[in-house]
């Protein structure tokens, strides 16, 4: 969204909302050379992965920034969603294995 882009973005980034991606305006912001690498960014990487798939299906050379803006900056003004922190988010998660190999309870 434009409002989120204004709050903070990677220098040189171009804002195209997904609903406008394949409009004349959206397409005009993409490289004319479809082989030029496009890095798609969102907050967490989820939406960017979907857009990346759409771009790649249409012949563009796109990739998503892993973990999105959450991996690019720790500025809480920019990353307005809770970002995954591998140092704390997976700790103490209970895993109980059943008696049979590969079984979970």
N, C-alpha and C. Protein backbone atom coordinates (compact mmCIF):
# COMPACT_ATOMS: atom_id res chain seq x y z
N UNK A 1 0.83 -1.19 0.00
CA UNK A 1 0.00 0.00 0.00
C UNK A 1 0.87 1.24 0.00
N UNK A 2 0.37 2.28 -0.62
CA UNK A 2 1.12 3.52 -0.74
C UNK A 2 1.46 4.11 0.63
N UNK A 3 0.52 4.03 1.57
CA UNK A 3 0.75 4.59 2.91
C UNK A 3 1.93 3.90 3.59
N UNK A 4 2.03 2.59 3.43
CA UNK A 4 3.12 1.84 4.04
C UNK A 4 4.45 2.14 3.35
N UNK A 5 4.41 2.32 2.05
CA UNK A 5 5.60 2.66 1.28
C UNK A 5 6.16 4.01 1.75
N UNK A 6 5.27 4.96 2.02
CA UNK A 6 5.69 6.30 2.47
C UNK A 6 6.37 6.22 3.83
N UNK A 7 5.90 5.33 4.71
CA UNK A 7 6.49 5.20 6.05
C UNK A 7 7.95 4.78 5.95
N UNK A 8 8.26 3.90 5.03
CA UNK A 8 9.64 3.46 4.86
C UNK A 8 9.76 2.42 3.78
N UNK A 9 10.82 2.52 3.00
CA UNK A 9 11.07 1.57 1.92
C UNK A 9 12.57 1.56 1.61
N UNK A 10 12.97 0.58 0.85
CA UNK A 10 14.36 0.45 0.43
C UNK A 10 14.64 1.54 -0.61
N UNK A 11 15.74 2.28 -0.47
CA UNK A 11 16.05 3.33 -1.46
C UNK A 11 16.04 2.78 -2.88
N UNK A 12 15.37 3.50 -3.75
CA UNK A 12 15.27 3.10 -5.15
C UNK A 12 14.08 2.21 -5.44
N UNK A 13 13.35 1.82 -4.39
CA UNK A 13 12.19 0.94 -4.58
C UNK A 13 11.07 1.68 -5.30
N UNK A 14 10.31 0.93 -6.08
CA UNK A 14 9.15 1.46 -6.80
C UNK A 14 7.92 0.80 -6.19
N UNK A 15 6.91 1.59 -5.88
CA UNK A 15 5.70 1.06 -5.27
C UNK A 15 4.66 0.73 -6.33
N UNK A 16 4.27 -0.55 -6.38
CA UNK A 16 3.18 -1.00 -7.25
C UNK A 16 2.29 -1.91 -6.39
N UNK A 17 1.07 -1.49 -6.14
CA UNK A 17 0.16 -2.35 -5.39
C UNK A 17 -0.23 -3.54 -6.26
N UNK A 18 -0.44 -4.69 -5.64
CA UNK A 18 -0.73 -5.91 -6.38
C UNK A 18 -1.94 -5.75 -7.30
N UNK A 19 -2.94 -5.00 -6.84
CA UNK A 19 -4.14 -4.84 -7.68
C UNK A 19 -3.85 -4.04 -8.94
N UNK A 20 -2.74 -3.30 -8.96
CA UNK A 20 -2.36 -2.50 -10.12
C UNK A 20 -1.20 -3.09 -10.92
N UNK A 21 -0.73 -4.27 -10.51
CA UNK A 21 0.47 -4.84 -11.11
C UNK A 21 0.37 -5.00 -12.62
N UNK A 22 -0.73 -5.53 -13.09
CA UNK A 22 -0.85 -5.79 -14.52
C UNK A 22 -1.74 -4.78 -15.24
N UNK A 23 -1.80 -3.58 -14.68
CA UNK A 23 -2.46 -2.48 -15.39
C UNK A 23 -1.39 -1.78 -16.23
N UNK A 24 -1.81 -0.90 -17.12
CA UNK A 24 -0.84 -0.15 -17.93
C UNK A 24 0.12 0.62 -17.04
N UNK A 25 -0.41 1.24 -15.97
CA UNK A 25 0.44 2.02 -15.05
C UNK A 25 1.45 1.11 -14.34
N UNK A 26 0.98 -0.02 -13.84
CA UNK A 26 1.86 -0.94 -13.14
C UNK A 26 2.94 -1.50 -14.04
N UNK A 27 2.54 -1.95 -15.22
CA UNK A 27 3.50 -2.50 -16.18
C UNK A 27 4.53 -1.47 -16.63
N UNK A 28 4.13 -0.20 -16.66
CA UNK A 28 5.06 0.85 -17.09
C UNK A 28 6.19 1.05 -16.08
N UNK A 29 6.00 0.59 -14.84
CA UNK A 29 7.02 0.72 -13.80
C UNK A 29 7.99 -0.46 -13.77
N UNK A 30 7.66 -1.52 -14.51
CA UNK A 30 8.53 -2.69 -14.55
C UNK A 30 9.59 -2.52 -15.64
N UNK A 31 10.73 -3.21 -15.50
CA UNK A 31 11.77 -3.10 -16.52
C UNK A 31 11.26 -3.58 -17.88
N UNK A 32 11.65 -2.89 -18.93
CA UNK A 32 11.29 -3.32 -20.28
C UNK A 32 11.97 -4.63 -20.61
N UNK A 33 13.22 -4.79 -20.12
CA UNK A 33 13.96 -6.03 -20.30
C UNK A 33 13.52 -7.01 -19.23
N UNK A 34 12.75 -8.02 -19.62
CA UNK A 34 12.20 -8.97 -18.66
C UNK A 34 13.27 -9.82 -17.99
N UNK A 35 14.51 -9.81 -18.51
CA UNK A 35 15.59 -10.56 -17.89
C UNK A 35 16.23 -9.82 -16.73
N UNK A 36 15.95 -8.52 -16.60
CA UNK A 36 16.51 -7.74 -15.51
C UNK A 36 15.88 -8.19 -14.19
N UNK A 37 16.70 -8.42 -13.18
CA UNK A 37 16.23 -8.93 -11.89
C UNK A 37 15.32 -7.92 -11.20
N UNK A 38 14.17 -8.40 -10.73
CA UNK A 38 13.23 -7.62 -9.94
C UNK A 38 13.19 -8.26 -8.55
N UNK A 39 13.42 -7.48 -7.51
CA UNK A 39 13.31 -7.96 -6.14
C UNK A 39 12.01 -7.39 -5.57
N UNK A 40 11.10 -8.28 -5.22
CA UNK A 40 9.79 -7.88 -4.71
C UNK A 40 9.85 -7.89 -3.19
N UNK A 41 9.32 -6.82 -2.58
CA UNK A 41 9.40 -6.66 -1.13
C UNK A 41 8.02 -6.36 -0.56
N UNK A 42 7.71 -7.00 0.56
CA UNK A 42 6.54 -6.65 1.37
C UNK A 42 7.04 -6.65 2.81
N UNK A 43 6.15 -6.70 3.78
CA UNK A 43 6.60 -6.68 5.18
C UNK A 43 7.24 -7.99 5.61
N UNK A 44 6.62 -9.13 5.29
CA UNK A 44 7.10 -10.41 5.81
C UNK A 44 7.63 -11.35 4.74
N UNK A 45 7.37 -11.06 3.48
CA UNK A 45 7.78 -11.93 2.40
C UNK A 45 6.67 -12.77 1.83
N UNK A 46 5.53 -12.84 2.51
CA UNK A 46 4.43 -13.67 2.04
C UNK A 46 3.78 -13.12 0.77
N UNK A 47 3.35 -11.88 0.81
CA UNK A 47 2.72 -11.27 -0.37
C UNK A 47 3.73 -11.14 -1.51
N UNK A 48 4.96 -10.83 -1.15
CA UNK A 48 6.00 -10.70 -2.18
C UNK A 48 6.20 -12.01 -2.92
N UNK A 49 6.09 -13.12 -2.23
CA UNK A 49 6.25 -14.41 -2.89
C UNK A 49 5.13 -14.67 -3.90
N UNK A 50 3.93 -14.24 -3.57
CA UNK A 50 2.81 -14.39 -4.50
C UNK A 50 3.01 -13.52 -5.74
N UNK A 51 3.44 -12.28 -5.52
CA UNK A 51 3.69 -11.37 -6.64
C UNK A 51 4.84 -11.90 -7.49
N UNK A 52 5.87 -12.43 -6.84
CA UNK A 52 7.00 -13.01 -7.56
C UNK A 52 6.54 -14.12 -8.49
N UNK A 53 5.67 -14.98 -7.99
CA UNK A 53 5.15 -16.07 -8.81
C UNK A 53 4.40 -15.52 -10.02
N UNK A 54 3.57 -14.52 -9.82
CA UNK A 54 2.83 -13.91 -10.94
C UNK A 54 3.77 -13.30 -11.97
N UNK A 55 4.78 -12.59 -11.49
CA UNK A 55 5.75 -11.99 -12.41
C UNK A 55 6.51 -13.05 -13.20
N UNK A 56 6.97 -14.09 -12.49
CA UNK A 56 7.72 -15.15 -13.16
C UNK A 56 6.86 -15.88 -14.19
N UNK A 57 5.59 -16.11 -13.87
CA UNK A 57 4.67 -16.75 -14.82
C UNK A 57 4.47 -15.90 -16.07
N UNK A 58 4.70 -14.59 -15.94
CA UNK A 58 4.55 -13.68 -17.08
C UNK A 58 5.89 -13.31 -17.71
N UNK A 59 6.92 -14.11 -17.43
CA UNK A 59 8.19 -13.96 -18.13
C UNK A 59 9.21 -13.03 -17.49
N UNK A 60 8.90 -12.47 -16.32
CA UNK A 60 9.86 -11.59 -15.65
C UNK A 60 10.82 -12.42 -14.80
N UNK A 61 11.96 -11.83 -14.44
CA UNK A 61 12.97 -12.47 -13.61
C UNK A 61 12.84 -11.88 -12.21
N UNK A 62 11.94 -12.45 -11.41
CA UNK A 62 11.63 -11.87 -10.11
C UNK A 62 12.01 -12.81 -8.97
N UNK A 63 12.33 -12.22 -7.84
CA UNK A 63 12.60 -12.95 -6.61
C UNK A 63 12.04 -12.14 -5.45
N UNK A 64 11.67 -12.80 -4.37
CA UNK A 64 11.15 -12.11 -3.19
C UNK A 64 12.27 -11.94 -2.17
N UNK A 65 12.28 -10.80 -1.50
CA UNK A 65 13.24 -10.57 -0.42
C UNK A 65 12.82 -11.42 0.77
N UNK A 66 13.66 -12.38 1.14
CA UNK A 66 13.34 -13.30 2.23
C UNK A 66 13.04 -12.54 3.52
N UNK A 67 11.90 -12.80 4.10
CA UNK A 67 11.39 -12.17 5.31
C UNK A 67 11.09 -10.68 5.12
N UNK A 68 11.10 -10.19 3.89
CA UNK A 68 10.65 -8.83 3.58
C UNK A 68 11.34 -7.73 4.36
N UNK A 69 10.57 -6.68 4.64
CA UNK A 69 11.11 -5.53 5.36
C UNK A 69 11.58 -5.93 6.75
N UNK A 70 11.02 -7.00 7.30
CA UNK A 70 11.45 -7.48 8.62
C UNK A 70 12.91 -7.90 8.60
N UNK A 71 13.42 -8.34 7.45
CA UNK A 71 14.83 -8.72 7.36
C UNK A 71 15.72 -7.55 6.96
N UNK A 72 15.10 -6.50 6.44
CA UNK A 72 15.88 -5.37 5.94
C UNK A 72 16.10 -4.32 7.01
N UNK A 73 15.13 -4.13 7.90
CA UNK A 73 15.26 -3.10 8.93
C UNK A 73 14.61 -3.55 10.23
N UNK A 74 15.10 -3.03 11.33
CA UNK A 74 14.47 -3.29 12.63
C UNK A 74 13.71 -2.06 13.11
N UNK A 75 13.58 -1.05 12.26
CA UNK A 75 12.86 0.17 12.60
C UNK A 75 11.39 -0.15 12.80
N UNK A 76 10.89 -0.01 14.02
CA UNK A 76 9.51 -0.37 14.33
C UNK A 76 8.50 0.53 13.64
N UNK A 77 8.93 1.69 13.16
CA UNK A 77 8.03 2.56 12.39
C UNK A 77 7.79 1.98 11.00
N UNK A 78 8.77 1.27 10.48
CA UNK A 78 8.67 0.69 9.14
C UNK A 78 8.04 -0.69 9.20
N UNK A 79 8.48 -1.50 10.13
CA UNK A 79 7.95 -2.86 10.25
C UNK A 79 6.80 -2.86 11.23
N UNK A 80 5.64 -2.47 10.75
CA UNK A 80 4.47 -2.30 11.61
C UNK A 80 3.78 -3.61 11.97
N UNK A 81 4.29 -4.72 11.48
CA UNK A 81 3.77 -6.03 11.86
C UNK A 81 4.80 -6.71 12.74
N UNK A 82 4.38 -7.69 13.51
CA UNK A 82 5.32 -8.45 14.31
C UNK A 82 6.13 -9.35 13.39
N UNK A 83 7.43 -9.19 13.44
CA UNK A 83 8.31 -9.96 12.58
C UNK A 83 8.82 -11.19 13.32
N UNK A 84 9.06 -12.23 12.58
CA UNK A 84 9.61 -13.46 13.15
C UNK A 84 11.03 -13.22 13.62
N UNK A 85 11.32 -13.61 14.85
CA UNK A 85 12.66 -13.51 15.41
C UNK A 85 13.13 -14.93 15.73
N UNK A 86 14.01 -15.50 14.89
CA UNK A 86 14.42 -16.89 15.10
C UNK A 86 15.14 -17.12 16.43
N UNK A 87 15.62 -16.06 17.07
CA UNK A 87 16.31 -16.20 18.34
C UNK A 87 15.37 -16.45 19.50
N UNK A 88 14.10 -16.07 19.35
CA UNK A 88 13.16 -16.24 20.45
C UNK A 88 11.84 -16.89 20.06
N UNK A 89 11.41 -16.77 18.82
CA UNK A 89 10.07 -17.21 18.46
C UNK A 89 9.87 -18.72 18.43
N UNK A 90 10.92 -19.51 18.26
CA UNK A 90 10.76 -20.96 18.19
C UNK A 90 11.14 -21.65 19.50
N UNK A 91 11.54 -20.90 20.49
CA UNK A 91 11.98 -21.50 21.75
C UNK A 91 10.80 -22.05 22.55
N UNK A 92 11.08 -23.12 23.26
CA UNK A 92 10.13 -23.73 24.18
C UNK A 92 8.85 -24.19 23.52
N UNK A 93 8.90 -24.48 22.22
CA UNK A 93 7.74 -25.01 21.54
C UNK A 93 7.65 -26.50 21.87
N UNK A 94 6.56 -26.95 22.48
CA UNK A 94 6.49 -28.35 22.89
C UNK A 94 6.29 -29.29 21.69
N UNK A 95 7.11 -30.32 21.65
CA UNK A 95 6.98 -31.35 20.63
C UNK A 95 6.92 -32.68 21.36
N UNK A 96 5.84 -33.42 21.15
CA UNK A 96 5.67 -34.72 21.78
C UNK A 96 5.62 -35.77 20.69
N UNK A 97 6.54 -36.71 20.74
CA UNK A 97 6.57 -37.78 19.74
C UNK A 97 5.82 -38.99 20.29
N UNK A 98 5.11 -39.65 19.39
CA UNK A 98 4.42 -40.88 19.74
C UNK A 98 5.41 -42.03 19.83
N UNK A 99 4.91 -43.20 20.12
CA UNK A 99 5.78 -44.36 20.27
C UNK A 99 6.25 -44.94 18.95
N UNK A 100 5.51 -44.66 17.86
CA UNK A 100 5.89 -45.17 16.54
C UNK A 100 6.77 -44.15 15.84
N UNK A 101 7.78 -44.60 15.10
CA UNK A 101 8.63 -43.65 14.36
C UNK A 101 7.79 -42.75 13.44
N UNK A 102 8.03 -41.45 13.50
CA UNK A 102 7.32 -40.49 12.66
C UNK A 102 5.97 -40.06 13.18
N UNK A 103 5.53 -40.63 14.29
CA UNK A 103 4.22 -40.24 14.81
C UNK A 103 4.34 -39.06 15.75
N UNK A 104 3.33 -38.23 15.75
CA UNK A 104 3.29 -37.05 16.63
C UNK A 104 1.99 -37.13 17.42
N UNK A 105 2.02 -36.67 18.66
CA UNK A 105 0.80 -36.62 19.46
C UNK A 105 0.45 -35.20 19.79
